[in-house]
Amino acid sequence: MSDVHLADLDLNLLVVLRELLRTHSTTSAAKRLGRTQSAVSHALARLRGLFDDPLFLRTGGALRPTARAESLSEPLER
């Protein structure tokens, strides 16, 4: 996360990212977070812009994390 300016970061976005990494689904992440699927999708769009990476690619019915998203998994869990 070294190229992301923390002053520009809404920390709630990291909660969404962590849940997406766990569930690989915007719908499942939304249910677990008590948000709408649309809200999680909008958060993912903001995260993609922030990290300048797609973070997840749709494969079938699931989201597959990119290498960048996977590299964020451990720091998010800590």
PDB file of N, CA and C in Angstrom:
ATOM      1  N   MET A   1       0.822  -1.179   0.000  1.00  0.00           N
ATOM      2  CA  MET A   1       0.000   0.000   0.000  1.00  0.00           C
ATOM      3  C   MET A   1       0.870   1.247   0.000  1.00  0.00           C
ATOM      4  N   SER A   2       2.121   1.127  -0.364  1.00  0.00           N
ATOM      5  CA  SER A   2       3.047   2.241  -0.260  1.00  0.00           C
ATOM      6  C   SER A   2       2.720   3.390  -1.197  1.00  0.00           C
ATOM      7  N   ASP A   3       2.080   3.142  -2.333  1.00  0.00           N
ATOM      8  CA  ASP A   3       1.787   4.225  -3.255  1.00  0.00           C
ATOM      9  C   ASP A   3       0.393   4.810  -3.049  1.00  0.00           C
ATOM     10  N   VAL A   4      -0.304   4.405  -2.001  1.00  0.00           N
ATOM     11  CA  VAL A   4      -1.619   4.935  -1.669  1.00  0.00           C
ATOM     12  C   VAL A   4      -1.441   5.965  -0.569  1.00  0.00           C
ATOM     13  N   HIS A   5      -2.014   7.131  -0.764  1.00  0.00           N
ATOM     14  CA  HIS A   5      -1.920   8.187   0.235  1.00  0.00           C
ATOM     15  C   HIS A   5      -2.984   7.956   1.303  1.00  0.00           C
ATOM     16  N   LEU A   6      -2.558   7.688   2.507  1.00  0.00           N
ATOM     17  CA  LEU A   6      -3.495   7.360   3.581  1.00  0.00           C
ATOM     18  C   LEU A   6      -4.457   8.499   3.874  1.00  0.00           C
ATOM     19  N   ALA A   7      -4.062   9.711   3.630  1.00  0.00           N
ATOM     20  CA  ALA A   7      -4.971  10.839   3.863  1.00  0.00           C
ATOM     21  C   ALA A   7      -6.176  10.785   2.923  1.00  0.00           C
ATOM     22  N   ASP A   8      -6.004  10.137   1.773  1.00  0.00           N
ATOM     23  CA  ASP A   8      -7.080  10.022   0.790  1.00  0.00           C
ATOM     24  C   ASP A   8      -7.929   8.771   1.001  1.00  0.00           C
ATOM     25  N   LEU A   9      -7.578   7.956   1.958  1.00  0.00           N
ATOM     26  CA  LEU A   9      -8.196   6.647   2.119  1.00  0.00           C
ATOM     27  C   LEU A   9      -9.326   6.659   3.130  1.00  0.00           C
ATOM     28  N   ASP A  10     -10.474   6.197   2.701  1.00  0.00           N
ATOM     29  CA  ASP A  10     -11.606   5.949   3.590  1.00  0.00           C
ATOM     30  C   ASP A  10     -11.373   4.550   4.157  1.00  0.00           C
ATOM     31  N   LEU A  11     -11.090   4.453   5.438  1.00  0.00           N
ATOM     32  CA  LEU A  11     -10.745   3.160   6.040  1.00  0.00           C
ATOM     33  C   LEU A  11     -11.867   2.136   5.925  1.00  0.00           C
ATOM     34  N   ASN A  12     -13.102   2.585   5.745  1.00  0.00           N
ATOM     35  CA  ASN A  12     -14.207   1.652   5.531  1.00  0.00           C
ATOM     36  C   ASN A  12     -14.016   0.856   4.245  1.00  0.00           C
ATOM     37  N   LEU A  13     -13.300   1.427   3.295  1.00  0.00           N
ATOM     38  CA  LEU A  13     -13.031   0.702   2.053  1.00  0.00           C
ATOM     39  C   LEU A  13     -12.172  -0.531   2.318  1.00  0.00           C
ATOM     40  N   LEU A  14     -11.282  -0.433   3.291  1.00  0.00           N
ATOM     41  CA  LEU A  14     -10.432  -1.586   3.611  1.00  0.00           C
ATOM     42  C   LEU A  14     -11.237  -2.718   4.235  1.00  0.00           C
ATOM     43  N   VAL A  15     -12.286  -2.372   4.962  1.00  0.00           N
ATOM     44  CA  VAL A  15     -13.182  -3.395   5.521  1.00  0.00           C
ATOM     45  C   VAL A  15     -13.865  -4.132   4.376  1.00  0.00           C
ATOM     46  N   VAL A  16     -14.302  -3.392   3.376  1.00  0.00           N
ATOM     47  CA  VAL A  16     -14.945  -4.008   2.208  1.00  0.00           C
ATOM     48  C   VAL A  16     -13.938  -4.881   1.468  1.00  0.00           C
ATOM     49  N   LEU A  17     -12.739  -4.373   1.255  1.00  0.00           N
ATOM     50  CA  LEU A  17     -11.722  -5.156   0.553  1.00  0.00           C
ATOM     51  C   LEU A  17     -11.421  -6.455   1.284  1.00  0.00           C
ATOM     52  N   ARG A  18     -11.273  -6.385   2.584  1.00  0.00           N
ATOM     53  CA  ARG A  18     -10.998  -7.606   3.355  1.00  0.00           C
ATOM     54  C   ARG A  18     -12.118  -8.627   3.194  1.00  0.00           C
ATOM     55  N   GLU A  19     -13.354  -8.167   3.207  1.00  0.00           N
ATOM     56  CA  GLU A  19     -14.482  -9.092   3.065  1.00  0.00           C
ATOM     57  C   GLU A  19     -14.554  -9.655   1.648  1.00  0.00           C
ATOM     58  N   LEU A  20     -14.232  -8.855   0.657  1.00  0.00           N
ATOM     59  CA  LEU A  20     -14.197  -9.365  -0.715  1.00  0.00           C
ATOM     60  C   LEU A  20     -13.108 -10.423  -0.873  1.00  0.00           C
ATOM     61  N   LEU A  21     -11.992 -10.221  -0.217  1.00  0.00           N
ATOM     62  CA  LEU A  21     -10.924 -11.226  -0.270  1.00  0.00           C
ATOM     63  C   LEU A  21     -11.352 -12.522   0.409  1.00  0.00           C
ATOM     64  N   ARG A  22     -12.189 -12.429   1.400  1.00  0.00           N
ATOM     65  CA  ARG A  22     -12.674 -13.626   2.107  1.00  0.00           C
ATOM     66  C   ARG A  22     -13.750 -14.361   1.315  1.00  0.00           C
ATOM     67  N   THR A  23     -14.661 -13.599   0.691  1.00  0.00           N
ATOM     68  CA  THR A  23     -15.846 -14.217   0.084  1.00  0.00           C
ATOM     69  C   THR A  23     -15.780 -14.374  -1.420  1.00  0.00           C
ATOM     70  N   HIS A  24     -14.970 -13.559  -2.087  1.00  0.00           N
ATOM     71  CA  HIS A  24     -14.884 -13.543  -3.555  1.00  0.00           C
ATOM     72  C   HIS A  24     -16.236 -13.264  -4.199  1.00  0.00           C
ATOM     73  N   SER A  25     -17.059 -12.479  -3.526  1.00  0.00           N
ATOM     74  CA  SER A  25     -18.409 -12.178  -4.016  1.00  0.00           C
ATOM     75  C   SER A  25     -18.885 -10.849  -3.440  1.00  0.00           C
ATOM     76  N   THR A  26     -19.384  -9.966  -4.303  1.00  0.00           N
ATOM     77  CA  THR A  26     -19.922  -8.706  -3.799  1.00  0.00           C
ATOM     78  C   THR A  26     -21.211  -8.945  -3.020  1.00  0.00           C
ATOM     79  N   THR A  27     -22.005  -9.905  -3.466  1.00  0.00           N
ATOM     80  CA  THR A  27     -23.267 -10.200  -2.783  1.00  0.00           C
ATOM     81  C   THR A  27     -23.012 -10.765  -1.389  1.00  0.00           C
ATOM     82  N   SER A  28     -22.117 -11.731  -1.285  1.00  0.00           N
ATOM     83  CA  SER A  28     -21.806 -12.326   0.023  1.00  0.00           C
ATOM     84  C   SER A  28     -21.141 -11.316   0.946  1.00  0.00           C
ATOM     85  N   ALA A  29     -20.236 -10.520   0.398  1.00  0.00           N
ATOM     86  CA  ALA A  29     -19.576  -9.494   1.211  1.00  0.00           C
ATOM     87  C   ALA A  29     -20.609  -8.506   1.738  1.00  0.00           C
ATOM     88  N   ALA A  30     -21.542  -8.110   0.878  1.00  0.00           N
ATOM     89  CA  ALA A  30     -22.584  -7.165   1.291  1.00  0.00           C
ATOM     90  C   ALA A  30     -23.420  -7.738   2.426  1.00  0.00           C
ATOM     91  N   LYS A  31     -23.815  -8.978   2.315  1.00  0.00           N
ATOM     92  CA  LYS A  31     -24.622  -9.609   3.367  1.00  0.00           C
ATOM     93  C   LYS A  31     -23.859  -9.640   4.686  1.00  0.00           C
ATOM     94  N   ARG A  32     -22.583 -10.014   4.629  1.00  0.00           N
ATOM     95  CA  ARG A  32     -21.781 -10.110   5.853  1.00  0.00           C
ATOM     96  C   ARG A  32     -21.528  -8.745   6.489  1.00  0.00           C
ATOM     97  N   LEU A  33     -21.500  -7.703   5.646  1.00  0.00           N
ATOM     98  CA  LEU A  33     -21.233  -6.356   6.145  1.00  0.00           C
ATOM     99  C   LEU A  33     -22.501  -5.568   6.462  1.00  0.00           C
ATOM    100  N   GLY A  34     -23.645  -6.135   6.121  1.00  0.00           N
ATOM    101  CA  GLY A  34     -24.898  -5.430   6.353  1.00  0.00           C
ATOM    102  C   GLY A  34     -25.086  -4.247   5.414  1.00  0.00           C
ATOM    103  N   ARG A  35     -24.597  -4.392   4.201  1.00  0.00           N
ATOM    104  CA  ARG A  35     -24.704  -3.344   3.182  1.00  0.00           C
ATOM    105  C   ARG A  35     -25.404  -3.916   1.960  1.00  0.00           C
ATOM    106  N   THR A  36     -25.725  -3.050   1.028  1.00  0.00           N
ATOM    107  CA  THR A  36     -26.314  -3.535  -0.222  1.00  0.00           C
ATOM    108  C   THR A  36     -25.197  -3.981  -1.155  1.00  0.00           C
ATOM    109  N   GLN A  37     -25.561  -4.824  -2.105  1.00  0.00           N
ATOM    110  CA  GLN A  37     -24.603  -5.281  -3.106  1.00  0.00           C
ATOM    111  C   GLN A  37     -24.102  -4.074  -3.900  1.00  0.00           C
ATOM    112  N   SER A  38     -24.990  -3.142  -4.174  1.00  0.00           N
ATOM    113  CA  SER A  38     -24.621  -1.939  -4.912  1.00  0.00           C
ATOM    114  C   SER A  38     -23.575  -1.124  -4.152  1.00  0.00           C
ATOM    115  N   ALA A  39     -23.732  -0.993  -2.850  1.00  0.00           N
ATOM    116  CA  ALA A  39     -22.769  -0.244  -2.043  1.00  0.00           C
ATOM    117  C   ALA A  39     -21.393  -0.894  -2.085  1.00  0.00           C
ATOM    118  N   VAL A  40     -21.363  -2.223  -2.036  1.00  0.00           N
ATOM    119  CA  VAL A  40     -20.083  -2.936  -2.095  1.00  0.00           C
ATOM    120  C   VAL A  40     -19.467  -2.779  -3.481  1.00  0.00           C
ATOM    121  N   SER A  41     -20.270  -2.836  -4.514  1.00  0.00           N
ATOM    122  CA  SER A  41     -19.755  -2.633  -5.873  1.00  0.00           C
ATOM    123  C   SER A  41     -19.174  -1.231  -6.041  1.00  0.00           C
ATOM    124  N   HIS A  42     -19.844  -0.234  -5.488  1.00  0.00           N
ATOM    125  CA  HIS A  42     -19.331   1.131  -5.561  1.00  0.00           C
ATOM    126  C   HIS A  42     -18.034   1.265  -4.768  1.00  0.00           C
ATOM    127  N   ALA A  43     -17.959   0.602  -3.628  1.00  0.00           N
ATOM    128  CA  ALA A  43     -16.727   0.617  -2.835  1.00  0.00           C
ATOM    129  C   ALA A  43     -15.590  -0.040  -3.621  1.00  0.00           C
ATOM    130  N   LEU A  44     -15.892  -1.138  -4.304  1.00  0.00           N
ATOM    131  CA  LEU A  44     -14.877  -1.815  -5.112  1.00  0.00           C
ATOM    132  C   LEU A  44     -14.392  -0.886  -6.225  1.00  0.00           C
ATOM    133  N   ALA A  45     -15.289  -0.154  -6.828  1.00  0.00           N
ATOM    134  CA  ALA A  45     -14.890   0.789  -7.878  1.00  0.00           C
ATOM    135  C   ALA A  45     -13.944   1.847  -7.312  1.00  0.00           C
ATOM    136  N   ARG A  46     -14.232   2.339  -6.125  1.00  0.00           N
ATOM    137  CA  ARG A  46     -13.352   3.331  -5.476  1.00  0.00           C
ATOM    138  C   ARG A  46     -11.992   2.711  -5.155  1.00  0.00           C
ATOM    139  N   LEU A  47     -12.002   1.472  -4.665  1.00  0.00           N
ATOM    140  CA  LEU A  47     -10.755   0.783  -4.364  1.00  0.00           C
ATOM    141  C   LEU A  47      -9.918   0.581  -5.621  1.00  0.00           C
ATOM    142  N   ARG A  48     -10.574   0.224  -6.715  1.00  0.00           N
ATOM    143  CA  ARG A  48      -9.853   0.032  -7.976  1.00  0.00           C
ATOM    144  C   ARG A  48      -9.157   1.315  -8.400  1.00  0.00           C
ATOM    145  N   GLY A  49      -9.822   2.442  -8.249  1.00  0.00           N
ATOM    146  CA  GLY A  49      -9.203   3.718  -8.587  1.00  0.00           C
ATOM    147  C   GLY A  49      -8.075   4.071  -7.640  1.00  0.00           C
ATOM    148  N   LEU A  50      -8.283   3.807  -6.381  1.00  0.00           N
ATOM    149  CA  LEU A  50      -7.289   4.125  -5.363  1.00  0.00           C
ATOM    150  C   LEU A  50      -5.998   3.332  -5.555  1.00  0.00           C
ATOM    151  N   PHE A  51      -6.142   2.040  -5.844  1.00  0.00           N
ATOM    152  CA  PHE A  51      -4.979   1.179  -6.004  1.00  0.00           C
ATOM    153  C   PHE A  51      -4.514   1.071  -7.456  1.00  0.00           C
ATOM    154  N   ASP A  52      -5.254   1.699  -8.382  1.00  0.00           N
ATOM    155  CA  ASP A  52      -4.920   1.647  -9.804  1.00  0.00           C
ATOM    156  C   ASP A  52      -4.719   0.207 -10.268  1.00  0.00           C
ATOM    157  N   ASP A  53      -5.678  -0.629  -9.894  1.00  0.00           N
ATOM    158  CA  ASP A  53      -5.630  -2.059 -10.211  1.00  0.00           C
ATOM    159  C   ASP A  53      -7.061  -2.571 -10.196  1.00  0.00           C
ATOM    160  N   PRO A  54      -7.399  -3.543 -11.057  1.00  0.00           N
ATOM    161  CA  PRO A  54      -8.768  -4.073 -11.022  1.00  0.00           C
ATOM    162  C   PRO A  54      -9.099  -4.819  -9.725  1.00  0.00           C
ATOM    163  N   LEU A  55      -8.091  -5.281  -8.993  1.00  0.00           N
ATOM    164  CA  LEU A  55      -8.202  -5.992  -7.718  1.00  0.00           C
ATOM    165  C   LEU A  55      -8.903  -7.339  -7.818  1.00  0.00           C
ATOM    166  N   PHE A  56      -9.988  -7.422  -8.578  1.00  0.00           N
ATOM    167  CA  PHE A  56     -10.710  -8.683  -8.767  1.00  0.00           C
ATOM    168  C   PHE A  56     -11.141  -8.782 -10.218  1.00  0.00           C
ATOM    169  N   LEU A  57     -11.090 -10.003 -10.754  1.00  0.00           N
ATOM    170  CA  LEU A  57     -11.565 -10.274 -12.101  1.00  0.00           C
ATOM    171  C   LEU A  57     -12.690 -11.294 -12.003  1.00  0.00           C
ATOM    172  N   ARG A  58     -13.744 -11.072 -12.758  1.00  0.00           N
ATOM    173  CA  ARG A  58     -14.882 -11.989 -12.718  1.00  0.00           C
ATOM    174  C   ARG A  58     -14.524 -13.252 -13.488  1.00  0.00           C
ATOM    175  N   THR A  59     -14.668 -14.395 -12.825  1.00  0.00           N
ATOM    176  CA  THR A  59     -14.470 -15.699 -13.468  1.00  0.00           C
ATOM    177  C   THR A  59     -15.666 -16.555 -13.081  1.00  0.00           C
ATOM    178  N   GLY A  60     -16.524 -16.808 -14.040  1.00  0.00           N
ATOM    179  CA  GLY A  60     -17.750 -17.538 -13.730  1.00  0.00           C
ATOM    180  C   GLY A  60     -18.596 -16.718 -12.782  1.00  0.00           C
ATOM    181  N   GLY A  61     -19.003 -17.318 -11.691  1.00  0.00           N
ATOM    182  CA  GLY A  61     -19.840 -16.623 -10.725  1.00  0.00           C
ATOM    183  C   GLY A  61     -19.069 -16.027  -9.557  1.00  0.00           C
ATOM    184  N   ALA A  62     -17.749 -16.015  -9.648  1.00  0.00           N
ATOM    185  CA  ALA A  62     -16.945 -15.545  -8.519  1.00  0.00           C
ATOM    186  C   ALA A  62     -15.969 -14.464  -8.968  1.00  0.00           C
ATOM    187  N   LEU A  63     -15.424 -13.768  -8.001  1.00  0.00           N
ATOM    188  CA  LEU A  63     -14.385 -12.784  -8.248  1.00  0.00           C
ATOM    189  C   LEU A  63     -13.043 -13.398  -7.891  1.00  0.00           C
ATOM    190  N   ARG A  64     -12.110 -13.346  -8.818  1.00  0.00           N
ATOM    191  CA  ARG A  64     -10.760 -13.868  -8.583  1.00  0.00           C
ATOM    192  C   ARG A  64      -9.846 -12.689  -8.288  1.00  0.00           C
ATOM    193  N   PRO A  65      -9.179 -12.680  -7.134  1.00  0.00           N
ATOM    194  CA  PRO A  65      -8.297 -11.560  -6.798  1.00  0.00           C
ATOM    195  C   PRO A  65      -7.082 -11.501  -7.710  1.00  0.00           C
ATOM    196  N   THR A  66      -6.674 -10.291  -8.032  1.00  0.00           N
ATOM    197  CA  THR A  66      -5.437 -10.095  -8.784  1.00  0.00           C
ATOM    198  C   THR A  66      -4.266 -10.273  -7.823  1.00  0.00           C
ATOM    199  N   ALA A  67      -3.075 -10.276  -8.380  1.00  0.00           N
ATOM    200  CA  ALA A  67      -1.876 -10.392  -7.545  1.00  0.00           C
ATOM    201  C   ALA A  67      -1.804  -9.227  -6.560  1.00  0.00           C
ATOM    202  N   ARG A  68      -2.200  -8.048  -7.000  1.00  0.00           N
ATOM    203  CA  ARG A  68      -2.181  -6.872  -6.108  1.00  0.00           C
ATOM    204  C   ARG A  68      -3.130  -7.074  -4.937  1.00  0.00           C
ATOM    205  N   ALA A  69      -4.348  -7.555  -5.219  1.00  0.00           N
ATOM    206  CA  ALA A  69      -5.320  -7.794  -4.149  1.00  0.00           C
ATOM    207  C   ALA A  69      -4.786  -8.847  -3.179  1.00  0.00           C
ATOM    208  N   GLU A  70      -4.210  -9.899  -3.715  1.00  0.00           N
ATOM    209  CA  GLU A  70      -3.670 -10.951  -2.848  1.00  0.00           C
ATOM    210  C   GLU A  70      -2.536 -10.419  -1.970  1.00  0.00           C
ATOM    211  N   SER A  71      -1.751  -9.489  -2.511  1.00  0.00           N
ATOM    212  CA  SER A  71      -0.647  -8.939  -1.723  1.00  0.00           C
ATOM    213  C   SER A  71      -1.159  -8.079  -0.569  1.00  0.00           C
ATOM    214  N   LEU A  72      -2.395  -7.622  -0.641  1.00  0.00           N
ATOM    215  CA  LEU A  72      -2.979  -6.807   0.410  1.00  0.00           C
ATOM    216  C   LEU A  72      -3.651  -7.639   1.505  1.00  0.00           C
ATOM    217  N   SER A  73      -3.871  -8.909   1.227  1.00  0.00           N
ATOM    218  CA  SER A  73      -4.606  -9.772   2.143  1.00  0.00           C
ATOM    219  C   SER A  73      -3.950  -9.868   3.517  1.00  0.00           C
ATOM    220  N   GLU A  74      -2.671 -10.181   3.562  1.00  0.00           N
ATOM    221  CA  GLU A  74      -1.996 -10.344   4.850  1.00  0.00           C
ATOM    222  C   GLU A  74      -1.970  -9.048   5.664  1.00  0.00           C
ATOM    223  N   PRO A  75      -1.581  -7.916   5.064  1.00  0.00           N
ATOM    224  CA  PRO A  75      -1.602  -6.669   5.854  1.00  0.00           C
ATOM    225  C   PRO A  75      -2.998  -6.320   6.365  1.00  0.00           C
ATOM    226  N   LEU A  76      -4.016  -6.620   5.597  1.00  0.00           N
ATOM    227  CA  LEU A  76      -5.380  -6.331   6.040  1.00  0.00           C
ATOM    228  C   LEU A  76      -5.782  -7.201   7.232  1.00  0.00           C
ATOM    229  N   GLU A  77      -5.337  -8.427   7.243  1.00  0.00           N
ATOM    230  CA  GLU A  77      -5.677  -9.329   8.350  1.00  0.00           C
ATOM    231  C   GLU A  77      -4.939  -8.943   9.624  1.00  0.00           C
ATOM    232  N   ARG A  78      -3.763  -8.370   9.476  1.00  0.00           N
ATOM    233  CA  ARG A  78      -3.001  -7.928  10.657  1.00  0.00           C
ATOM    234  C   ARG A  78      -3.673  -6.721  11.242  1.00  0.00           C
TER     235      ARG A  78
END
